[in-house]
């Protein structure tokens, strides 16, 4: 869907990288090697995003880092489009209903860092979660979005320990009970 609207593969990769997780930051050479693209192709797109105000840059050492400008008026819209493109909105819709007492759902792993590796890692926090039903819903969601979904179920106390041990920004809150 997104690739029919945006023809530049590099631009799509950068959108996924920066707008899936607003806290992600990276520099040119890192993106170049991760995307396996020429530095010029990546630089051109980074410059376009920065000129449009969608990315901010800062210097750390001798490297220029880029990060999504979450104050930009279109940030939330782009973020929501990226979530829909990846299919996370469908996962949440299909999985959270009828599962028990779910308090929170987190995106973890590569997707939380903005990397599309074809696997979505989710962490469900709650109690009395119907795991049999969860497996069925995960299978349905996988068929809808064409991604493999791995999941973990934590109690609220287990979550605190997990978040304490995971300080590298690989956790992104997707859903929280009201």
N, C-alpha and C. Protein backbone atom coordinates (compact mmCIF):
# COMPACT_ATOMS: atom_id res chain seq x y z
N UNK A 1 0.82 -1.19 0.00
CA UNK A 1 0.00 0.00 0.00
C UNK A 1 0.87 1.26 0.00
N UNK A 2 1.77 1.37 0.99
CA UNK A 2 2.60 2.56 1.10
C UNK A 2 3.55 2.69 -0.09
N UNK A 3 4.00 1.54 -0.60
CA UNK A 3 4.93 1.58 -1.73
C UNK A 3 4.28 2.03 -3.03
N UNK A 4 2.96 2.03 -3.11
CA UNK A 4 2.31 2.58 -4.29
C UNK A 4 2.20 4.10 -4.20
N UNK A 5 2.14 4.62 -2.97
CA UNK A 5 2.09 6.07 -2.77
C UNK A 5 3.47 6.70 -2.78
N UNK A 6 4.43 5.98 -2.21
CA UNK A 6 5.80 6.48 -2.11
C UNK A 6 6.70 5.52 -2.88
N UNK A 7 7.26 5.97 -3.96
CA UNK A 7 8.01 5.07 -4.83
C UNK A 7 9.45 4.86 -4.38
N UNK A 8 9.97 5.73 -3.53
CA UNK A 8 11.34 5.58 -3.06
C UNK A 8 11.39 4.57 -1.92
N UNK A 9 12.08 3.46 -2.15
CA UNK A 9 12.23 2.42 -1.12
C UNK A 9 13.01 2.97 0.07
N UNK A 10 13.99 3.81 -0.19
CA UNK A 10 14.78 4.41 0.88
C UNK A 10 13.90 5.30 1.75
N UNK A 11 13.03 6.06 1.13
CA UNK A 11 12.12 6.94 1.88
C UNK A 11 11.19 6.12 2.77
N UNK A 12 10.68 5.02 2.26
CA UNK A 12 9.82 4.15 3.07
C UNK A 12 10.59 3.58 4.26
N UNK A 13 11.81 3.14 4.02
CA UNK A 13 12.63 2.60 5.11
C UNK A 13 12.88 3.65 6.18
N UNK A 14 13.14 4.88 5.76
CA UNK A 14 13.38 5.95 6.72
C UNK A 14 12.10 6.30 7.49
N UNK A 15 10.97 6.30 6.82
CA UNK A 15 9.71 6.55 7.51
C UNK A 15 9.46 5.49 8.58
N UNK A 16 9.67 4.23 8.21
CA UNK A 16 9.50 3.14 9.18
C UNK A 16 10.47 3.31 10.34
N UNK A 17 11.69 3.62 10.02
CA UNK A 17 12.74 3.71 11.02
C UNK A 17 12.46 4.82 12.03
N UNK A 18 12.10 6.00 11.55
CA UNK A 18 11.97 7.15 12.44
C UNK A 18 10.56 7.38 12.98
N UNK A 19 9.54 6.96 12.26
CA UNK A 19 8.18 7.29 12.68
C UNK A 19 7.44 6.15 13.38
N UNK A 20 8.04 4.98 13.42
CA UNK A 20 7.45 3.90 14.20
C UNK A 20 7.76 4.13 15.68
N UNK A 21 8.98 4.54 15.97
CA UNK A 21 9.40 4.81 17.34
C UNK A 21 10.03 6.20 17.37
N UNK A 22 9.35 7.16 17.98
CA UNK A 22 9.81 8.56 17.97
C UNK A 22 11.13 8.76 18.70
N UNK A 23 11.52 7.82 19.55
CA UNK A 23 12.76 7.97 20.31
C UNK A 23 13.98 7.45 19.57
N UNK A 24 13.79 6.85 18.41
CA UNK A 24 14.90 6.30 17.64
C UNK A 24 15.72 7.43 17.02
N UNK A 25 17.04 7.28 17.07
CA UNK A 25 17.92 8.21 16.37
C UNK A 25 19.05 7.40 15.73
N UNK A 26 19.57 7.93 14.62
CA UNK A 26 20.64 7.25 13.93
C UNK A 26 21.40 8.25 13.07
N UNK A 27 22.53 7.79 12.54
CA UNK A 27 23.37 8.62 11.69
C UNK A 27 23.50 7.98 10.31
N UNK A 28 23.99 8.75 9.36
CA UNK A 28 24.02 8.37 7.95
C UNK A 28 24.67 7.01 7.70
N UNK A 29 25.88 6.80 8.14
CA UNK A 29 26.61 5.55 7.83
C UNK A 29 25.91 4.33 8.43
N UNK A 30 25.33 4.48 9.60
CA UNK A 30 24.60 3.38 10.21
C UNK A 30 23.38 3.01 9.35
N UNK A 31 22.65 4.01 8.90
CA UNK A 31 21.48 3.76 8.06
C UNK A 31 21.89 3.18 6.71
N UNK A 32 22.97 3.70 6.17
CA UNK A 32 23.48 3.21 4.89
C UNK A 32 23.78 1.71 4.96
N UNK A 33 24.47 1.29 6.00
CA UNK A 33 24.82 -0.14 6.11
C UNK A 33 23.60 -0.99 6.45
N UNK A 34 22.71 -0.48 7.27
CA UNK A 34 21.51 -1.23 7.62
C UNK A 34 20.59 -1.42 6.41
N UNK A 35 20.43 -0.38 5.61
CA UNK A 35 19.56 -0.44 4.44
C UNK A 35 20.25 -1.07 3.25
N UNK A 36 21.57 -1.20 3.30
CA UNK A 36 22.36 -1.67 2.17
C UNK A 36 22.10 -0.81 0.94
N UNK A 37 22.18 0.51 1.16
CA UNK A 37 21.96 1.50 0.11
C UNK A 37 23.18 2.41 0.05
N UNK A 38 23.29 3.15 -1.04
CA UNK A 38 24.40 4.09 -1.15
C UNK A 38 24.19 5.23 -0.16
N UNK A 39 25.31 5.79 0.30
CA UNK A 39 25.20 6.90 1.26
C UNK A 39 24.50 8.10 0.62
N UNK A 40 24.67 8.29 -0.68
CA UNK A 40 24.03 9.41 -1.36
C UNK A 40 22.51 9.27 -1.35
N UNK A 41 22.01 8.06 -1.61
CA UNK A 41 20.55 7.85 -1.63
C UNK A 41 19.96 8.13 -0.25
N UNK A 42 20.63 7.67 0.79
CA UNK A 42 20.14 7.89 2.15
C UNK A 42 20.26 9.37 2.52
N UNK A 43 21.40 9.99 2.18
CA UNK A 43 21.62 11.40 2.50
C UNK A 43 20.57 12.30 1.84
N UNK A 44 20.25 12.04 0.59
CA UNK A 44 19.25 12.85 -0.12
C UNK A 44 17.92 12.81 0.61
N UNK A 45 17.49 11.61 1.00
CA UNK A 45 16.20 11.48 1.69
C UNK A 45 16.24 12.10 3.09
N UNK A 46 17.35 11.92 3.81
CA UNK A 46 17.47 12.54 5.12
C UNK A 46 17.39 14.07 5.00
N UNK A 47 18.06 14.62 4.01
CA UNK A 47 18.03 16.07 3.80
C UNK A 47 16.62 16.55 3.47
N UNK A 48 15.90 15.79 2.66
CA UNK A 48 14.51 16.17 2.33
C UNK A 48 13.64 16.19 3.57
N UNK A 49 13.76 15.15 4.38
CA UNK A 49 12.96 15.08 5.62
C UNK A 49 13.35 16.21 6.58
N UNK A 50 14.64 16.50 6.66
CA UNK A 50 15.08 17.56 7.56
C UNK A 50 14.61 18.93 7.06
N UNK A 51 14.70 19.18 5.77
CA UNK A 51 14.24 20.46 5.20
C UNK A 51 12.74 20.64 5.39
N UNK A 52 12.00 19.53 5.36
CA UNK A 52 10.55 19.59 5.56
C UNK A 52 10.19 19.73 7.04
N UNK A 53 11.17 19.60 7.91
CA UNK A 53 10.92 19.72 9.33
C UNK A 53 10.45 18.42 9.98
N UNK A 54 10.45 17.33 9.23
CA UNK A 54 10.00 16.05 9.77
C UNK A 54 11.06 15.38 10.62
N UNK A 55 12.33 15.69 10.35
CA UNK A 55 13.44 15.17 11.14
C UNK A 55 14.23 16.33 11.73
N UNK A 56 14.71 16.12 12.93
CA UNK A 56 15.65 17.04 13.56
C UNK A 56 17.01 16.37 13.52
N UNK A 57 18.06 17.17 13.54
CA UNK A 57 19.41 16.61 13.59
C UNK A 57 20.17 17.21 14.76
N UNK A 58 21.12 16.45 15.24
CA UNK A 58 22.00 16.92 16.30
C UNK A 58 23.34 16.21 16.13
N UNK A 59 24.36 16.80 16.67
CA UNK A 59 25.71 16.24 16.54
C UNK A 59 26.12 15.62 17.86
N UNK A 60 26.65 14.41 17.75
CA UNK A 60 27.21 13.70 18.90
C UNK A 60 28.58 13.20 18.46
N UNK A 61 29.62 13.76 19.07
CA UNK A 61 30.96 13.44 18.61
C UNK A 61 31.16 14.04 17.24
N UNK A 62 31.58 13.22 16.29
CA UNK A 62 31.75 13.71 14.91
C UNK A 62 30.64 13.21 13.99
N UNK A 63 29.54 12.73 14.57
CA UNK A 63 28.45 12.18 13.77
C UNK A 63 27.21 13.05 13.87
N UNK A 64 26.53 13.20 12.75
CA UNK A 64 25.27 13.93 12.71
C UNK A 64 24.14 12.91 12.83
N UNK A 65 23.40 13.00 13.91
CA UNK A 65 22.28 12.09 14.17
C UNK A 65 20.98 12.72 13.73
N UNK A 66 20.03 11.87 13.35
CA UNK A 66 18.71 12.31 12.94
C UNK A 66 17.68 11.65 13.85
N UNK A 67 16.61 12.38 14.09
CA UNK A 67 15.53 11.88 14.94
C UNK A 67 14.23 12.52 14.45
N UNK A 68 13.13 11.79 14.57
CA UNK A 68 11.83 12.32 14.16
C UNK A 68 11.48 13.55 14.98
N UNK A 69 10.92 14.54 14.33
CA UNK A 69 10.45 15.75 15.01
C UNK A 69 9.02 15.49 15.46
N UNK A 70 8.86 15.06 16.71
CA UNK A 70 7.52 14.73 17.19
C UNK A 70 6.67 15.97 17.47
N UNK A 71 7.23 17.16 17.28
CA UNK A 71 6.46 18.40 17.40
C UNK A 71 5.90 18.86 16.06
N UNK A 72 6.29 18.19 15.00
CA UNK A 72 5.80 18.55 13.67
C UNK A 72 4.29 18.27 13.61
N UNK A 73 3.52 19.14 12.98
CA UNK A 73 2.06 18.94 12.94
C UNK A 73 1.62 17.63 12.28
N UNK A 74 2.45 17.07 11.42
CA UNK A 74 2.08 15.82 10.74
C UNK A 74 2.65 14.58 11.42
N UNK A 75 3.39 14.75 12.51
CA UNK A 75 4.03 13.58 13.13
C UNK A 75 3.02 12.50 13.49
N UNK A 76 1.98 12.86 14.21
CA UNK A 76 1.00 11.85 14.66
C UNK A 76 0.32 11.17 13.48
N UNK A 77 0.02 11.95 12.45
CA UNK A 77 -0.61 11.36 11.26
C UNK A 77 0.32 10.38 10.57
N UNK A 78 1.57 10.76 10.40
CA UNK A 78 2.54 9.85 9.76
C UNK A 78 2.75 8.62 10.63
N UNK A 79 2.86 8.81 11.93
CA UNK A 79 3.01 7.69 12.87
C UNK A 79 1.84 6.72 12.73
N UNK A 80 0.62 7.24 12.67
CA UNK A 80 -0.56 6.38 12.52
C UNK A 80 -0.59 5.66 11.18
N UNK A 81 -0.15 6.33 10.13
CA UNK A 81 -0.08 5.69 8.81
C UNK A 81 0.93 4.54 8.85
N UNK A 82 2.07 4.76 9.49
CA UNK A 82 3.09 3.72 9.60
C UNK A 82 2.55 2.54 10.41
N UNK A 83 1.85 2.82 11.50
CA UNK A 83 1.25 1.73 12.29
C UNK A 83 0.26 0.93 11.45
N UNK A 84 -0.53 1.62 10.65
CA UNK A 84 -1.49 0.91 9.77
C UNK A 84 -0.75 0.11 8.70
N UNK A 85 0.30 0.69 8.14
CA UNK A 85 1.08 0.00 7.11
C UNK A 85 1.67 -1.29 7.65
N UNK A 86 2.21 -1.22 8.86
CA UNK A 86 2.81 -2.39 9.48
C UNK A 86 1.74 -3.38 9.93
N UNK A 87 0.55 -2.87 10.21
CA UNK A 87 -0.55 -3.73 10.63
C UNK A 87 -0.75 -3.79 12.13
N UNK A 88 -0.03 -2.97 12.86
CA UNK A 88 -0.12 -3.01 14.30
C UNK A 88 -1.52 -2.63 14.77
N UNK A 89 -2.17 -1.72 14.07
CA UNK A 89 -3.52 -1.34 14.49
C UNK A 89 -4.47 -2.54 14.44
N UNK A 90 -4.31 -3.41 13.44
CA UNK A 90 -5.16 -4.61 13.35
C UNK A 90 -4.82 -5.61 14.44
N UNK A 91 -3.55 -5.74 14.74
CA UNK A 91 -3.14 -6.67 15.80
C UNK A 91 -3.82 -6.28 17.10
N UNK A 92 -3.72 -5.03 17.45
CA UNK A 92 -4.28 -4.57 18.71
C UNK A 92 -5.79 -4.78 18.72
N UNK A 93 -6.44 -4.37 17.64
CA UNK A 93 -7.88 -4.52 17.54
C UNK A 93 -8.31 -5.98 17.70
N UNK A 94 -7.62 -6.88 17.01
CA UNK A 94 -8.00 -8.29 17.01
C UNK A 94 -7.59 -9.05 18.25
N UNK A 95 -6.54 -8.61 18.90
CA UNK A 95 -5.98 -9.39 20.00
C UNK A 95 -6.48 -8.94 21.36
N UNK A 96 -6.64 -7.66 21.55
CA UNK A 96 -6.97 -7.15 22.88
C UNK A 96 -8.38 -7.51 23.32
N UNK A 97 -9.31 -7.53 22.38
CA UNK A 97 -10.69 -7.86 22.72
C UNK A 97 -10.80 -9.30 23.21
N UNK A 98 -11.60 -9.52 24.20
CA UNK A 98 -11.98 -10.85 24.68
C UNK A 98 -10.81 -11.69 25.19
N UNK A 99 -9.75 -11.07 25.64
CA UNK A 99 -8.59 -11.84 26.07
C UNK A 99 -8.45 -11.98 27.58
N UNK A 100 -9.22 -11.27 28.31
CA UNK A 100 -9.05 -11.28 29.76
C UNK A 100 -8.74 -9.88 30.23
N UNK A 101 -7.99 -9.80 31.31
CA UNK A 101 -7.70 -8.51 31.92
C UNK A 101 -6.36 -7.97 31.43
N UNK A 102 -6.35 -7.50 30.21
CA UNK A 102 -5.13 -6.92 29.64
C UNK A 102 -5.04 -5.47 30.08
N UNK A 103 -3.86 -5.11 30.60
CA UNK A 103 -3.63 -3.74 31.04
C UNK A 103 -2.86 -2.93 30.00
N UNK A 104 -1.86 -3.59 29.38
CA UNK A 104 -1.02 -2.88 28.41
C UNK A 104 -0.54 -3.86 27.35
N UNK A 105 -0.23 -3.31 26.18
CA UNK A 105 0.40 -4.08 25.11
C UNK A 105 1.59 -3.25 24.62
N UNK A 106 2.76 -3.90 24.58
CA UNK A 106 3.99 -3.24 24.14
C UNK A 106 4.50 -3.89 22.87
N UNK A 107 5.08 -3.07 22.02
CA UNK A 107 5.85 -3.55 20.87
C UNK A 107 7.29 -3.61 21.35
N UNK A 108 7.96 -4.73 21.12
CA UNK A 108 9.34 -4.89 21.57
C UNK A 108 10.21 -5.32 20.39
N UNK A 109 11.48 -5.44 20.60
CA UNK A 109 12.39 -5.98 19.59
C UNK A 109 12.66 -5.04 18.44
N UNK A 110 12.89 -5.63 17.27
CA UNK A 110 13.32 -4.86 16.09
C UNK A 110 12.32 -3.80 15.66
N UNK A 111 11.03 -4.14 15.63
CA UNK A 111 10.04 -3.15 15.19
C UNK A 111 10.01 -1.95 16.12
N UNK A 112 10.22 -2.15 17.41
CA UNK A 112 10.25 -1.03 18.35
C UNK A 112 11.43 -0.11 18.06
N UNK A 113 12.49 -0.66 17.46
CA UNK A 113 13.65 0.14 17.07
C UNK A 113 13.50 0.70 15.66
N UNK A 114 12.40 0.33 14.98
CA UNK A 114 12.17 0.83 13.63
C UNK A 114 12.71 -0.04 12.53
N UNK A 115 13.07 -1.29 12.85
CA UNK A 115 13.61 -2.22 11.86
C UNK A 115 12.52 -3.20 11.44
N UNK A 116 12.31 -3.33 10.16
CA UNK A 116 11.33 -4.28 9.63
C UNK A 116 12.05 -5.57 9.28
N UNK A 117 11.93 -6.57 10.16
CA UNK A 117 12.56 -7.86 9.90
C UNK A 117 11.53 -8.95 9.60
N UNK A 118 10.26 -8.54 9.48
CA UNK A 118 9.21 -9.51 9.17
C UNK A 118 8.62 -10.19 10.39
N UNK A 119 9.12 -9.85 11.57
CA UNK A 119 8.61 -10.44 12.81
C UNK A 119 8.22 -9.31 13.76
N UNK A 120 7.01 -9.40 14.28
CA UNK A 120 6.53 -8.41 15.25
C UNK A 120 6.53 -9.07 16.62
N UNK A 121 7.23 -8.47 17.56
CA UNK A 121 7.30 -8.97 18.93
C UNK A 121 6.38 -8.12 19.81
N UNK A 122 5.47 -8.79 20.52
CA UNK A 122 4.53 -8.11 21.38
C UNK A 122 4.65 -8.63 22.80
N UNK A 123 4.41 -7.76 23.76
CA UNK A 123 4.36 -8.15 25.17
C UNK A 123 3.00 -7.73 25.71
N UNK A 124 2.24 -8.69 26.23
CA UNK A 124 0.93 -8.45 26.82
C UNK A 124 1.08 -8.44 28.34
N UNK A 125 0.53 -7.42 28.96
CA UNK A 125 0.62 -7.31 30.41
C UNK A 125 -0.80 -7.39 30.96
N UNK A 126 -0.99 -8.31 31.91
CA UNK A 126 -2.29 -8.46 32.52
C UNK A 126 -2.35 -9.72 33.35
N UNK A 127 -3.56 -10.07 33.72
CA UNK A 127 -3.75 -11.31 34.48
C UNK A 127 -4.95 -12.05 33.92
N UNK A 128 -4.95 -13.33 34.15
CA UNK A 128 -6.03 -14.20 33.67
C UNK A 128 -6.23 -14.08 32.16
N UNK A 129 -5.13 -14.02 31.42
CA UNK A 129 -5.21 -13.89 29.97
C UNK A 129 -5.44 -15.28 29.37
N UNK A 130 -6.40 -15.36 28.50
CA UNK A 130 -6.77 -16.61 27.84
C UNK A 130 -5.75 -16.89 26.73
N UNK A 131 -4.76 -17.71 27.04
CA UNK A 131 -3.67 -17.96 26.10
C UNK A 131 -4.12 -18.76 24.88
N UNK A 132 -5.06 -19.65 25.05
CA UNK A 132 -5.57 -20.42 23.90
C UNK A 132 -6.22 -19.48 22.90
N UNK A 133 -7.02 -18.58 23.40
CA UNK A 133 -7.68 -17.60 22.53
C UNK A 133 -6.64 -16.66 21.91
N UNK A 134 -5.63 -16.30 22.70
CA UNK A 134 -4.57 -15.43 22.20
C UNK A 134 -3.87 -16.05 21.00
N UNK A 135 -3.56 -17.34 21.08
CA UNK A 135 -2.89 -18.03 19.98
C UNK A 135 -3.75 -17.98 18.72
N UNK A 136 -5.05 -18.23 18.86
CA UNK A 136 -5.96 -18.18 17.71
C UNK A 136 -6.00 -16.79 17.08
N UNK A 137 -6.06 -15.78 17.93
CA UNK A 137 -6.10 -14.41 17.41
C UNK A 137 -4.79 -14.00 16.74
N UNK A 138 -3.69 -14.44 17.31
CA UNK A 138 -2.39 -14.15 16.71
C UNK A 138 -2.32 -14.77 15.31
N UNK A 139 -2.78 -16.01 15.18
CA UNK A 139 -2.77 -16.68 13.87
C UNK A 139 -3.61 -15.90 12.86
N UNK A 140 -4.78 -15.43 13.28
CA UNK A 140 -5.63 -14.64 12.38
C UNK A 140 -4.95 -13.33 11.99
N UNK A 141 -4.36 -12.67 12.97
CA UNK A 141 -3.69 -11.40 12.68
C UNK A 141 -2.51 -11.61 11.73
N UNK A 142 -1.77 -12.70 11.91
CA UNK A 142 -0.64 -12.99 11.02
C UNK A 142 -1.11 -13.14 9.58
N UNK A 143 -2.24 -13.79 9.39
CA UNK A 143 -2.78 -13.95 8.04
C UNK A 143 -3.23 -12.62 7.46
N UNK A 144 -3.76 -11.74 8.29
CA UNK A 144 -4.22 -10.43 7.82
C UNK A 144 -3.08 -9.52 7.39
N UNK A 145 -2.00 -9.54 8.16
CA UNK A 145 -0.94 -8.55 7.92
C UNK A 145 0.31 -9.13 7.27
N UNK A 146 0.37 -10.46 7.11
CA UNK A 146 1.52 -11.12 6.48
C UNK A 146 2.84 -10.88 7.22
N UNK A 147 2.78 -10.87 8.53
CA UNK A 147 3.96 -10.81 9.38
C UNK A 147 3.88 -11.94 10.39
N UNK A 148 5.02 -12.43 10.83
CA UNK A 148 5.08 -13.40 11.92
C UNK A 148 4.98 -12.61 13.22
N UNK A 149 4.18 -13.10 14.17
CA UNK A 149 4.01 -12.41 15.45
C UNK A 149 4.48 -13.33 16.57
N UNK A 150 5.42 -12.82 17.37
CA UNK A 150 5.84 -13.52 18.58
C UNK A 150 5.29 -12.73 19.76
N UNK A 151 4.93 -13.44 20.81
CA UNK A 151 4.36 -12.73 21.95
C UNK A 151 4.84 -13.32 23.26
N UNK A 152 4.80 -12.48 24.28
CA UNK A 152 5.06 -12.88 25.65
C UNK A 152 3.94 -12.32 26.51
N UNK A 153 3.61 -13.02 27.57
CA UNK A 153 2.59 -12.55 28.50
C UNK A 153 3.27 -12.35 29.85
N UNK A 154 3.11 -11.16 30.41
CA UNK A 154 3.71 -10.82 31.70
C UNK A 154 2.63 -10.39 32.68
N UNK A 155 2.87 -10.67 33.95
CA UNK A 155 2.06 -10.06 35.00
C UNK A 155 2.61 -8.66 35.20
N UNK A 156 1.85 -7.77 35.83
CA UNK A 156 2.37 -6.40 36.05
C UNK A 156 3.70 -6.38 36.80
N UNK A 157 3.91 -7.27 37.76
CA UNK A 157 5.18 -7.28 38.50
C UNK A 157 6.33 -7.77 37.62
N UNK A 158 6.08 -8.74 36.75
CA UNK A 158 7.11 -9.20 35.82
C UNK A 158 7.50 -8.10 34.84
N UNK A 159 6.52 -7.28 34.46
CA UNK A 159 6.78 -6.19 33.52
C UNK A 159 7.79 -5.20 34.11
N UNK A 160 7.60 -4.84 35.37
CA UNK A 160 8.53 -3.89 35.99
C UNK A 160 9.96 -4.39 35.90
N UNK A 161 10.18 -5.67 36.17
CA UNK A 161 11.52 -6.25 36.10
C UNK A 161 12.03 -6.25 34.65
N UNK A 162 11.18 -6.59 33.71
CA UNK A 162 11.55 -6.63 32.29
C UNK A 162 11.97 -5.24 31.81
N UNK A 163 11.18 -4.22 32.15
CA UNK A 163 11.49 -2.86 31.71
C UNK A 163 12.78 -2.35 32.37
N UNK A 164 13.01 -2.75 33.61
CA UNK A 164 14.23 -2.35 34.30
C UNK A 164 15.46 -2.93 33.60
N UNK A 165 15.35 -4.18 33.13
CA UNK A 165 16.45 -4.86 32.45
C UNK A 165 16.63 -4.42 31.01
N UNK A 166 15.61 -3.80 30.43
CA UNK A 166 15.65 -3.43 29.01
C UNK A 166 15.77 -1.92 28.90
N UNK A 167 16.98 -1.42 28.93
CA UNK A 167 17.19 0.03 28.90
C UNK A 167 17.64 0.52 27.52
N UNK A 168 17.55 -0.31 26.50
CA UNK A 168 18.05 0.09 25.18
C UNK A 168 16.96 0.61 24.24
N UNK A 169 15.79 0.99 24.77
CA UNK A 169 14.77 1.62 23.95
C UNK A 169 14.02 0.68 23.05
N UNK A 170 14.01 -0.60 23.36
CA UNK A 170 13.32 -1.57 22.51
C UNK A 170 11.91 -1.87 23.00
N UNK A 171 11.30 -0.95 23.71
CA UNK A 171 9.95 -1.14 24.21
C UNK A 171 9.12 0.07 23.85
N UNK A 172 7.98 -0.15 23.20
CA UNK A 172 7.12 0.93 22.76
C UNK A 172 5.69 0.60 23.17
N UNK A 173 5.08 1.44 24.00
CA UNK A 173 3.71 1.22 24.44
C UNK A 173 2.76 1.40 23.27
N UNK A 174 1.95 0.36 22.99
CA UNK A 174 0.99 0.43 21.89
C UNK A 174 -0.42 0.68 22.36
N UNK A 175 -0.76 0.08 23.51
CA UNK A 175 -2.13 0.14 23.98
C UNK A 175 -2.14 0.06 25.49
N UNK A 176 -3.07 0.80 26.09
CA UNK A 176 -3.20 0.77 27.54
C UNK A 176 -4.69 0.84 27.88
N UNK A 177 -5.11 0.00 28.83
CA UNK A 177 -6.52 0.01 29.26
C UNK A 177 -6.84 1.34 29.90
N UNK A 178 -8.02 1.82 29.63
CA UNK A 178 -8.44 3.11 30.23
C UNK A 178 -9.02 2.92 31.60
